[in-house]
N, C-alpha and C. Protein backbone atom coordinates (compact mmCIF):
# COMPACT_ATOMS: atom_id res chain seq x y z
N UNK A 1 0.75 -1.01 0.18
CA UNK A 1 -0.26 0.09 0.18
C UNK A 1 0.82 1.14 -0.10
N UNK A 2 0.36 2.07 -0.67
CA UNK A 2 1.32 3.62 -0.76
C UNK A 2 1.20 4.24 0.43
N UNK A 3 2.16 4.82 0.62
CA UNK A 3 2.28 5.87 2.08
C UNK A 3 1.46 7.11 1.89
N UNK A 4 1.10 7.35 0.65
CA UNK A 4 0.17 8.46 0.18
C UNK A 4 -1.37 8.39 0.41
N UNK A 5 -1.51 6.96 0.63
CA UNK A 5 -3.07 6.74 0.66
C UNK A 5 -3.34 6.42 2.23
N UNK A 6 -4.01 7.11 2.75
CA UNK A 6 -4.44 6.84 4.11
C UNK A 6 -5.26 5.55 4.21
N UNK A 7 -4.92 5.01 5.32
CA UNK A 7 -5.62 3.83 5.89
C UNK A 7 -6.76 4.24 6.44
N UNK A 8 -7.83 3.85 6.42
CA UNK A 8 -9.11 4.21 7.01
C UNK A 8 -9.80 3.44 8.11
N UNK A 9 -9.24 3.77 9.23
CA UNK A 9 -9.75 3.02 10.47
C UNK A 9 -11.35 3.24 10.48
N UNK A 10 -11.86 2.39 11.31
CA UNK A 10 -13.42 2.34 11.72
C UNK A 10 -13.30 3.25 13.03
N UNK A 11 -14.26 4.00 13.07
CA UNK A 11 -14.43 4.75 14.56
C UNK A 11 -14.81 3.93 15.50
N UNK A 12 -13.64 4.12 16.71
CA UNK A 12 -14.23 2.86 17.84
C UNK A 12 -14.78 3.48 19.04
N UNK A 13 -14.50 4.49 19.60
CA UNK A 13 -15.34 5.07 20.63
C UNK A 13 -14.83 6.76 21.01
N UNK A 14 -15.96 7.35 21.74
CA UNK A 14 -15.55 8.79 22.16
C UNK A 14 -15.33 8.47 23.66
N UNK A 15 -15.04 9.96 24.28
CA UNK A 15 -14.46 9.69 25.38
C UNK A 15 -15.05 11.26 26.33
N UNK A 16 -15.81 11.17 27.17
CA UNK A 16 -16.24 12.41 27.79
C UNK A 16 -15.80 12.77 29.26
N UNK A 17 -15.62 13.94 29.49
CA UNK A 17 -15.14 13.97 30.84
C UNK A 17 -16.45 14.61 31.79
N UNK A 18 -16.55 14.02 32.97
CA UNK A 18 -17.83 14.45 33.54
C UNK A 18 -17.79 14.45 35.12
N UNK A 19 -18.54 15.30 35.82
CA UNK A 19 -18.57 15.40 37.10
C UNK A 19 -19.65 14.38 37.66
N UNK A 20 -20.23 13.73 36.84
CA UNK A 20 -21.29 12.74 37.19
C UNK A 20 -21.61 11.50 36.72
N UNK A 21 -20.48 10.80 37.05
CA UNK A 21 -20.00 9.38 36.49
C UNK A 21 -21.39 8.28 36.60
N UNK A 22 -21.96 8.30 37.68
CA UNK A 22 -22.78 7.50 37.54
C UNK A 22 -24.21 7.76 36.90
N UNK A 23 -24.36 9.04 36.65
CA UNK A 23 -25.53 9.65 36.04
C UNK A 23 -25.39 8.99 34.64
N UNK A 24 -24.23 9.37 33.97
CA UNK A 24 -23.75 9.30 32.76
C UNK A 24 -23.80 7.42 32.52
N UNK A 25 -23.29 6.95 33.20
CA UNK A 25 -23.24 5.36 33.15
C UNK A 25 -24.89 4.99 33.01
N UNK A 26 -25.77 5.54 34.06
CA UNK A 26 -27.06 5.01 33.87
C UNK A 26 -27.72 5.57 32.90
N UNK A 27 -27.94 6.68 32.22
CA UNK A 27 -28.39 7.47 31.25
C UNK A 27 -27.91 6.59 30.03
N UNK A 28 -26.37 6.34 29.80
CA UNK A 28 -26.30 5.74 28.35
C UNK A 28 -26.81 4.14 28.50
N UNK A 29 -26.63 3.54 29.79
CA UNK A 29 -27.52 2.09 29.47
C UNK A 29 -28.48 2.21 28.99
N UNK A 30 -29.53 3.29 29.65
CA UNK A 30 -30.94 3.54 29.26
C UNK A 30 -31.09 3.69 27.88
N UNK A 31 -30.41 4.75 27.17
CA UNK A 31 -30.56 5.21 25.97
C UNK A 31 -30.08 4.37 25.02
N UNK A 32 -28.80 3.64 25.12
CA UNK A 32 -28.16 3.10 24.04
C UNK A 32 -27.86 1.65 24.22
N UNK A 33 -28.20 1.19 25.43
CA UNK A 33 -28.17 -0.11 25.84
C UNK A 33 -26.60 -0.50 26.18
N UNK A 34 -25.87 0.52 26.77
CA UNK A 34 -24.44 0.23 27.18
C UNK A 34 -24.50 -0.65 28.61
N UNK A 35 -23.28 -1.55 28.61
CA UNK A 35 -22.94 -2.17 29.92
C UNK A 35 -21.53 -1.70 30.05
N UNK A 36 -21.27 -1.97 31.28
CA UNK A 36 -19.79 -1.33 32.12
C UNK A 36 -18.86 -2.46 31.71
N UNK A 37 -18.03 -2.22 30.82
CA UNK A 37 -16.72 -3.38 31.03
C UNK A 37 -15.77 -2.78 32.31
N UNK A 38 -15.66 -1.73 32.70
CA UNK A 38 -14.78 -1.85 33.64
C UNK A 38 -14.83 0.02 34.41
N UNK A 39 -14.98 0.09 35.87
CA UNK A 39 -15.46 1.06 36.32
C UNK A 39 -14.47 1.29 37.65
N UNK A 40 -13.98 2.39 37.71
CA UNK A 40 -13.40 2.58 39.13
C UNK A 40 -13.58 4.26 39.73
N UNK A 41 -13.16 4.70 40.66
CA UNK A 41 -13.26 6.14 40.88
C UNK A 41 -13.39 7.12 40.03
N UNK A 42 -12.20 7.07 38.73
CA UNK A 42 -12.23 8.19 37.96
C UNK A 42 -12.53 8.01 36.75
N UNK A 43 -13.17 6.74 36.56
CA UNK A 43 -13.93 6.64 35.26
C UNK A 43 -14.58 5.24 34.87
N UNK A 44 -15.08 5.00 33.94
CA UNK A 44 -15.87 4.02 33.29
C UNK A 44 -15.57 3.72 31.69
N UNK A 45 -15.96 2.52 31.45
CA UNK A 45 -15.77 1.98 29.84
C UNK A 45 -16.89 1.17 29.56
N UNK A 46 -17.73 1.58 28.63
CA UNK A 46 -18.90 1.24 28.41
C UNK A 46 -19.09 0.72 27.03
N UNK A 47 -19.84 -0.35 26.73
CA UNK A 47 -20.01 -0.95 25.42
C UNK A 47 -21.42 -1.47 25.19
N UNK A 48 -21.80 -1.29 23.88
CA UNK A 48 -23.17 -1.89 23.66
C UNK A 48 -23.05 -2.94 22.41
N UNK A 49 -21.97 -3.29 22.29
CA UNK A 49 -21.61 -4.35 21.18
C UNK A 49 -20.52 -5.22 21.82
N UNK A 50 -19.81 -6.11 20.74
CA UNK A 50 -18.48 -6.58 21.01
C UNK A 50 -17.20 -5.98 21.40
N UNK A 51 -17.02 -4.80 20.99
CA UNK A 51 -15.95 -3.97 21.37
C UNK A 51 -15.76 -3.85 22.98
N UNK A 52 -14.26 -3.90 23.25
CA UNK A 52 -14.20 -3.51 24.90
C UNK A 52 -14.86 -2.20 25.27
N UNK A 53 -15.04 -1.24 24.28
CA UNK A 53 -15.61 0.02 25.08
C UNK A 53 -15.94 0.76 23.45
N UNK A 54 -16.86 1.42 23.73
CA UNK A 54 -17.44 2.48 22.54
C UNK A 54 -17.39 3.77 23.12
N UNK A 55 -17.61 3.95 24.56
CA UNK A 55 -17.92 5.21 25.20
C UNK A 55 -16.95 5.18 26.40
N UNK A 56 -15.87 6.08 26.78
CA UNK A 56 -15.09 6.18 27.92
C UNK A 56 -15.50 7.51 28.65
N UNK A 57 -15.89 7.12 29.84
CA UNK A 57 -16.09 8.18 30.75
C UNK A 57 -15.06 8.72 31.79
N UNK A 58 -14.73 10.13 31.81
CA UNK A 58 -13.42 10.06 33.01
C UNK A 58 -14.10 11.07 33.93
N UNK A 59 -13.72 10.93 34.89
CA UNK A 59 -14.36 11.75 36.28
C UNK A 59 -13.20 11.96 37.17
N UNK A 60 -12.12 13.01 36.85
CA UNK A 60 -10.90 13.22 37.86
C UNK A 60 -11.36 14.35 38.62
N UNK A 61 -10.63 14.02 39.96
CA UNK A 61 -10.74 15.31 40.78
C UNK A 61 -10.34 16.67 40.36
N UNK A 62 -10.99 17.58 40.21
CA UNK A 62 -10.75 18.75 39.81
C UNK A 62 -11.55 19.47 38.46
N UNK A 63 -12.35 18.27 37.99
CA UNK A 63 -13.29 18.59 36.84
C UNK A 63 -14.25 19.67 37.22
N UNK A 64 -14.63 20.37 36.60
CA UNK A 64 -15.82 21.44 36.79
C UNK A 64 -16.65 21.76 35.47
N UNK A 65 -17.78 21.92 35.91
CA UNK A 65 -18.75 22.11 34.74
C UNK A 65 -18.48 23.37 33.95
N UNK A 66 -18.55 23.55 32.88
CA UNK A 66 -18.64 24.78 32.18
C UNK A 66 -20.12 25.20 32.06
N UNK A 67 -20.42 26.32 32.67
CA UNK A 67 -21.75 26.94 32.34
C UNK A 67 -21.83 27.42 30.99
N UNK A 68 -20.79 27.82 30.33
CA UNK A 68 -21.31 28.39 28.87
C UNK A 68 -20.66 27.49 27.83
N UNK A 69 -20.96 25.87 28.02
CA UNK A 69 -20.82 24.76 27.12
C UNK A 69 -21.44 25.16 25.54
N UNK A 70 -22.76 25.52 25.78
CA UNK A 70 -23.23 25.58 24.50
C UNK A 70 -22.89 26.81 23.59
N UNK A 71 -22.11 27.86 24.12
CA UNK A 71 -21.30 28.49 23.32
C UNK A 71 -20.07 28.43 23.11
N UNK A 72 -19.16 27.29 23.32
CA UNK A 72 -18.18 26.94 23.29
C UNK A 72 -17.70 26.07 22.21
N UNK A 73 -16.62 26.32 21.40
CA UNK A 73 -16.21 25.18 20.56
C UNK A 73 -15.93 23.85 21.06
N UNK A 74 -16.18 22.79 20.40
CA UNK A 74 -15.99 21.59 20.60
C UNK A 74 -17.03 20.54 19.94
N UNK A 75 -16.99 19.32 20.45
CA UNK A 75 -17.71 18.52 19.79
C UNK A 75 -19.12 18.85 19.92
N UNK A 76 -20.13 18.88 19.00
CA UNK A 76 -21.54 19.11 18.86
C UNK A 76 -22.50 17.90 19.42
N UNK A 77 -22.13 16.68 18.78
CA UNK A 77 -22.84 15.56 19.42
C UNK A 77 -22.24 14.61 18.76
N UNK A 78 -22.60 13.10 19.39
CA UNK A 78 -22.05 11.96 19.06
C UNK A 78 -23.23 11.33 18.34
N UNK A 79 -23.24 10.38 17.63
CA UNK A 79 -24.32 9.87 16.86
C UNK A 79 -24.32 8.36 17.10
N UNK A 80 -25.54 7.45 16.76
CA UNK A 80 -25.66 6.02 16.82
C UNK A 80 -26.70 6.00 15.67
N UNK A 81 -26.72 4.77 15.01
CA UNK A 81 -27.65 4.29 14.04
C UNK A 81 -28.23 3.31 14.19
N UNK A 82 -29.48 3.29 13.71
CA UNK A 82 -30.32 2.06 13.49
C UNK A 82 -30.41 1.50 12.45
N UNK A 83 -30.74 0.35 12.31
CA UNK A 83 -30.90 -0.59 10.89
C UNK A 83 -32.34 -0.29 10.27
N UNK A 84 -33.32 0.19 11.11
CA UNK A 84 -34.58 0.57 10.35
C UNK A 84 -35.35 1.76 11.22
N UNK A 85 -36.43 2.09 10.76
CA UNK A 85 -37.08 3.31 11.46
C UNK A 85 -37.65 2.74 12.35
N UNK A 86 -38.63 1.54 12.37
CA UNK A 86 -39.23 1.18 13.39
C UNK A 86 -38.43 1.17 14.49
N UNK A 87 -37.13 0.67 14.55
CA UNK A 87 -36.02 0.68 15.70
C UNK A 87 -35.85 2.07 16.26
N UNK A 88 -36.03 2.89 15.58
CA UNK A 88 -35.54 4.41 15.87
C UNK A 88 -37.02 4.88 16.62
N UNK A 89 -38.18 4.59 15.92
CA UNK A 89 -39.62 4.77 16.71
C UNK A 89 -39.48 4.15 17.94
N UNK A 90 -39.43 2.90 17.90
CA UNK A 90 -39.74 1.95 19.12
C UNK A 90 -38.75 2.76 20.36
N UNK A 91 -37.55 3.30 19.88
CA UNK A 91 -36.70 3.70 20.93
C UNK A 91 -37.01 4.99 21.69
N UNK A 92 -37.74 5.92 20.74
CA UNK A 92 -38.34 7.26 20.83
C UNK A 92 -39.44 6.87 22.02
N UNK A 93 -40.21 6.10 21.77
CA UNK A 93 -41.46 5.46 22.55
C UNK A 93 -41.20 5.36 23.99
N UNK A 94 -39.92 4.24 24.04
CA UNK A 94 -39.58 3.54 25.16
C UNK A 94 -38.84 4.57 26.30
N UNK A 95 -37.99 5.42 25.41
CA UNK A 95 -37.39 6.84 26.13
C UNK A 95 -38.35 7.69 26.78
N UNK A 96 -39.37 7.98 25.82
CA UNK A 96 -40.33 9.18 26.00
C UNK A 96 -41.02 8.56 27.30
N UNK A 97 -41.63 7.13 27.51
CA UNK A 97 -41.85 6.41 28.80
C UNK A 97 -41.13 6.70 29.87
N UNK A 98 -39.96 6.53 29.45
CA UNK A 98 -38.83 6.68 30.80
C UNK A 98 -38.56 8.17 31.18
N UNK A 99 -39.25 9.19 30.37
CA UNK A 99 -39.05 10.57 30.64
C UNK A 99 -38.06 11.02 30.32
N UNK A 100 -37.54 10.38 29.12
CA UNK A 100 -36.40 11.15 28.29
C UNK A 100 -36.80 11.36 27.01
N UNK A 101 -36.72 12.89 27.07
CA UNK A 101 -37.41 13.55 25.70
C UNK A 101 -36.26 13.88 24.76
N UNK A 102 -36.61 13.66 23.45
CA UNK A 102 -35.43 14.36 22.56
C UNK A 102 -35.16 16.00 22.39
N UNK A 103 -34.29 16.48 22.40
CA UNK A 103 -34.19 17.91 22.45
C UNK A 103 -34.43 18.39 21.23
N UNK A 104 -33.78 17.62 20.16
CA UNK A 104 -34.18 18.49 18.67
C UNK A 104 -34.38 17.02 17.70
N UNK A 105 -35.55 17.51 17.07
CA UNK A 105 -35.50 16.28 16.00
C UNK A 105 -35.85 16.75 14.63
N UNK A 106 -34.77 16.37 13.58
CA UNK A 106 -34.84 16.79 12.36
C UNK A 106 -34.72 15.40 11.07
N UNK A 107 -35.51 15.85 10.24
CA UNK A 107 -35.34 14.95 9.01
C UNK A 107 -34.51 15.88 8.28
N UNK A 108 -33.05 15.15 8.10
CA UNK A 108 -31.85 15.81 7.59
C UNK A 108 -32.00 15.67 6.04
N UNK A 109 -33.02 14.84 5.51
CA UNK A 109 -33.19 14.56 4.10
C UNK A 109 -32.60 12.94 3.74
N UNK A 110 -31.36 12.97 4.13
CA UNK A 110 -30.45 11.76 4.08
C UNK A 110 -30.64 10.80 5.50
N UNK A 111 -31.14 11.26 6.72
CA UNK A 111 -31.39 10.65 8.04
C UNK A 111 -32.58 11.19 8.66
N UNK A 112 -33.31 10.36 9.09
CA UNK A 112 -34.16 11.04 10.35
C UNK A 112 -33.48 10.92 11.53
N UNK A 113 -33.29 11.94 12.28
CA UNK A 113 -32.38 12.02 13.46
C UNK A 113 -33.16 12.75 14.89
N UNK A 114 -32.93 12.00 15.80
CA UNK A 114 -33.53 12.46 16.94
C UNK A 114 -32.54 12.57 18.12
N UNK A 115 -32.15 13.97 18.66
CA UNK A 115 -30.92 14.53 19.39
C UNK A 115 -31.65 14.58 20.95
N UNK A 116 -30.91 13.93 21.80
CA UNK A 116 -31.19 13.80 23.25
C UNK A 116 -29.96 14.68 23.81
N UNK A 117 -29.95 14.97 25.06
CA UNK A 117 -28.76 15.35 25.83
C UNK A 117 -28.78 14.68 27.11
N UNK A 118 -27.69 14.18 27.34
CA UNK A 118 -27.33 13.52 28.28
C UNK A 118 -27.01 14.18 29.72
N UNK A 119 -26.95 13.70 30.98
CA UNK A 119 -26.98 14.54 32.35
C UNK A 119 -26.05 15.67 32.08
N UNK A 120 -24.88 15.49 31.21
CA UNK A 120 -24.08 16.60 31.23
C UNK A 120 -24.18 17.64 30.29
N UNK A 121 -25.20 17.25 29.67
CA UNK A 121 -25.65 18.25 28.22
C UNK A 121 -24.96 17.85 27.01
N UNK A 122 -24.08 16.84 27.00
CA UNK A 122 -23.83 16.32 25.62
C UNK A 122 -24.87 15.89 24.96
N UNK A 123 -24.97 16.31 23.54
CA UNK A 123 -26.15 15.83 22.40
C UNK A 123 -25.56 14.44 21.81
N UNK A 124 -26.61 13.65 22.00
CA UNK A 124 -26.45 12.21 21.16
C UNK A 124 -27.67 12.06 20.16
N UNK A 125 -27.21 11.74 19.04
CA UNK A 125 -27.88 11.68 17.96
C UNK A 125 -28.58 10.30 17.79
N UNK A 126 -29.84 9.79 17.76
CA UNK A 126 -30.09 8.56 17.19
C UNK A 126 -30.86 8.79 15.87
N UNK A 127 -30.33 8.00 15.10
CA UNK A 127 -30.78 8.20 13.56
C UNK A 127 -30.92 6.88 12.91
N UNK A 128 -31.77 6.94 11.68
CA UNK A 128 -31.69 6.11 10.65
C UNK A 128 -31.63 6.61 9.13
N UNK A 129 -31.01 5.96 8.41
CA UNK A 129 -30.79 6.13 6.99
C UNK A 129 -32.18 6.34 6.39
N UNK A 130 -32.80 7.20 5.71
CA UNK A 130 -33.68 7.57 4.95
C UNK A 130 -33.73 6.67 3.77
N UNK A 131 -32.51 6.11 3.08
CA UNK A 131 -32.77 5.49 1.89
C UNK A 131 -32.50 4.07 2.34
N UNK A 132 -32.09 3.64 3.44
CA UNK A 132 -31.96 2.19 3.86
C UNK A 132 -30.57 1.68 3.02
N UNK A 133 -29.63 2.81 2.65
CA UNK A 133 -28.60 2.55 1.62
C UNK A 133 -27.74 3.64 2.16
N UNK A 134 -26.51 3.33 2.66
CA UNK A 134 -25.51 4.32 3.03
C UNK A 134 -25.05 4.98 1.30
N UNK A 135 -24.92 3.91 0.49
CA UNK A 135 -24.35 4.50 -0.74
C UNK A 135 -25.39 5.49 -1.62
N UNK A 136 -26.53 5.05 -1.14
CA UNK A 136 -27.65 5.95 -1.80
C UNK A 136 -28.09 7.20 -1.19
N UNK A 137 -27.77 7.19 0.11
CA UNK A 137 -27.90 8.61 0.79
C UNK A 137 -26.65 9.42 0.67
N UNK A 138 -25.61 8.73 0.75
CA UNK A 138 -24.28 9.67 0.28
C UNK A 138 -24.14 10.29 -0.95
N UNK A 139 -24.79 9.63 -2.02
CA UNK A 139 -24.97 10.09 -3.33
C UNK A 139 -25.99 11.40 -3.39
N UNK A 140 -27.02 10.94 -2.73
CA UNK A 140 -27.94 12.23 -2.52
C UNK A 140 -27.41 13.36 -1.87
N UNK A 141 -26.72 13.34 -1.00
CA UNK A 141 -26.18 14.44 -0.12
C UNK A 141 -25.12 15.01 -1.31
N UNK A 142 -24.30 14.42 -2.13
CA UNK A 142 -23.25 14.86 -3.21
C UNK A 142 -24.14 15.45 -4.28
N UNK A 143 -25.38 14.92 -4.76
CA UNK A 143 -25.68 15.66 -5.82
C UNK A 143 -27.25 16.35 -5.65
N UNK A 144 -27.60 16.31 -4.38
CA UNK A 144 -29.51 16.81 -4.58
C UNK A 144 -29.23 18.14 -4.48
N UNK A 145 -30.17 19.13 -5.15
CA UNK A 145 -30.17 20.35 -5.07
C UNK A 145 -30.97 20.64 -3.51
N UNK A 146 -31.89 19.78 -3.24
CA UNK A 146 -32.35 19.78 -1.99
C UNK A 146 -31.56 20.09 -0.74
N UNK A 147 -30.43 19.17 -0.75
CA UNK A 147 -29.37 19.20 0.36
C UNK A 147 -28.76 20.45 0.30
N UNK A 148 -28.36 20.94 -0.94
CA UNK A 148 -27.39 21.77 -1.19
C UNK A 148 -28.22 22.89 -0.67
N UNK A 149 -29.80 23.31 -1.02
CA UNK A 149 -30.60 24.55 -0.51
C UNK A 149 -30.53 24.58 1.06
N UNK A 150 -30.66 23.46 1.68
CA UNK A 150 -30.68 23.17 2.86
C UNK A 150 -30.29 21.77 3.56
N UNK A 151 -29.07 22.03 4.03
CA UNK A 151 -28.12 20.86 4.40
C UNK A 151 -28.58 20.32 5.93
N UNK A 152 -29.51 21.45 6.77
CA UNK A 152 -29.79 20.92 7.91
C UNK A 152 -31.21 20.14 7.77
N UNK A 153 -32.26 20.55 7.09
CA UNK A 153 -33.12 19.82 7.01
C UNK A 153 -34.05 20.37 7.75
N UNK A 154 -35.32 19.52 7.92
CA UNK A 154 -36.91 20.15 8.57
C UNK A 154 -36.95 19.66 9.79
N UNK A 155 -37.41 20.32 10.64
CA UNK A 155 -37.65 19.91 12.08
C UNK A 155 -38.76 19.31 12.06
N UNK A 156 -38.81 18.23 13.10
CA UNK A 156 -40.08 17.29 13.30
C UNK A 156 -40.55 17.38 14.44
N UNK A 157 -41.90 16.92 14.69
CA UNK A 157 -42.48 16.56 15.95
C UNK A 157 -42.62 15.07 16.17
N UNK A 158 -41.46 14.31 17.24
CA UNK A 158 -41.71 13.05 17.13
C UNK A 158 -42.96 12.30 17.38
N UNK A 159 -43.52 13.04 18.15
CA UNK A 159 -45.06 12.48 18.57
C UNK A 159 -45.98 12.15 17.26
N UNK A 160 -45.85 13.40 16.25
CA UNK A 160 -46.46 13.32 15.15
C UNK A 160 -45.91 11.97 14.21
N UNK A 161 -44.50 12.09 14.21
CA UNK A 161 -44.08 10.82 13.54
C UNK A 161 -44.30 9.45 14.03
N UNK A 162 -44.54 9.30 15.26
CA UNK A 162 -44.82 8.12 15.81
C UNK A 162 -46.57 7.70 15.76
N UNK A 163 -47.23 8.87 15.75
CA UNK A 163 -48.55 8.58 15.45
C UNK A 163 -48.66 8.50 14.02
N UNK A 164 -48.13 8.94 12.98
CA UNK A 164 -48.19 8.45 11.70
C UNK A 164 -47.73 6.97 11.29
N UNK A 165 -46.70 6.68 12.14
CA UNK A 165 -46.55 5.25 12.19
C UNK A 165 -47.30 4.34 12.77
N UNK A 166 -47.94 4.73 13.84
CA UNK A 166 -49.18 3.85 14.41
C UNK A 166 -50.22 3.75 13.33
N UNK A 167 -50.39 4.84 12.67
CA UNK A 167 -51.90 4.65 11.82
C UNK A 167 -51.52 4.05 10.60
N UNK A 168 -50.04 3.38 10.49
CA UNK A 168 -49.60 2.33 9.18
C UNK A 168 -49.19 3.14 7.97
N UNK A 169 -48.75 4.26 8.56
CA UNK A 169 -48.00 5.03 7.17
C UNK A 169 -46.53 4.36 7.04
N UNK A 170 -46.02 4.18 5.72
CA UNK A 170 -44.74 3.80 5.58
C UNK A 170 -43.84 4.67 6.06
N UNK A 171 -42.55 4.24 6.35
CA UNK A 171 -41.54 5.11 6.30
C UNK A 171 -41.33 6.27 5.32
N UNK A 172 -41.39 5.75 4.12
CA UNK A 172 -41.29 6.58 2.95
C UNK A 172 -42.22 7.64 2.69
N UNK A 173 -43.38 7.31 3.22
CA UNK A 173 -44.38 8.61 3.39
C UNK A 173 -44.25 9.53 4.64
N UNK A 174 -43.83 9.02 5.48
CA UNK A 174 -43.39 9.60 6.82
C UNK A 174 -42.37 10.69 6.38
N UNK A 175 -41.35 10.22 5.71
CA UNK A 175 -40.12 10.89 5.36
C UNK A 175 -40.73 11.87 4.53
N UNK A 176 -41.82 11.61 3.40
CA UNK A 176 -42.03 12.48 2.30
C UNK A 176 -42.86 13.62 3.12
N UNK A 177 -43.71 13.36 4.21
CA UNK A 177 -44.52 14.18 4.67
C UNK A 177 -43.57 15.20 5.86
N UNK A 178 -42.57 14.67 6.02
CA UNK A 178 -41.62 15.43 7.25
C UNK A 178 -40.88 16.48 6.54
N UNK A 179 -40.40 16.20 5.15
CA UNK A 179 -39.74 16.89 4.12
C UNK A 179 -40.76 18.25 3.79
N UNK A 180 -41.78 17.77 3.41
CA UNK A 180 -42.83 18.99 3.37
C UNK A 180 -43.27 19.68 4.36
N UNK A 181 -42.71 19.39 5.72
CA UNK A 181 -43.06 20.30 6.69
C UNK A 181 -44.43 20.00 7.33
N UNK A 182 -44.99 18.86 7.03
CA UNK A 182 -46.45 18.32 7.39
C UNK A 182 -46.16 17.78 8.95
N UNK A 183 -44.78 17.50 9.56
CA UNK A 183 -44.83 16.74 10.71
C UNK A 183 -44.01 17.43 11.67
N UNK A 184 -44.27 18.92 11.68
CA UNK A 184 -43.41 19.65 12.58
C UNK A 184 -44.25 20.21 13.43
């Protein structure tokens, strides 16, 4: 392999600093099904699949919360993907019933995305690919006049999305209606 061609590693984990170690452990277990691989007084390593960890949490003495975090530069959110719309919708309903509501919900055109805030205020996106095919959604992003005109997408009300699904609407129809502004 040429030294000029980068090797593309798979994304493995993200690491958060916190003053609320147990609250974050509990929240990620509820939201994305993580389990603790290892924990001590200064951190925890969590996974929701076969990897040794997907989320690392550090809780060192001296950490303080930043009251201005929303206006500071840094990571905006992390994201987890579902294989299907019913998985995303069922998760929304389960979390809603557990008292965990999304902060922002957007049909980006290529994904339907629900953003939640963990106890520290870190945003976590739960999403599903609208095309059911990453190659198709990537091509849509590259070539779509709609995406070029509005790369953020259209805000949706997840309750209205869930009602549409419960009434038997297909995901394709829900996506069409979301992009038309009918589900906000």
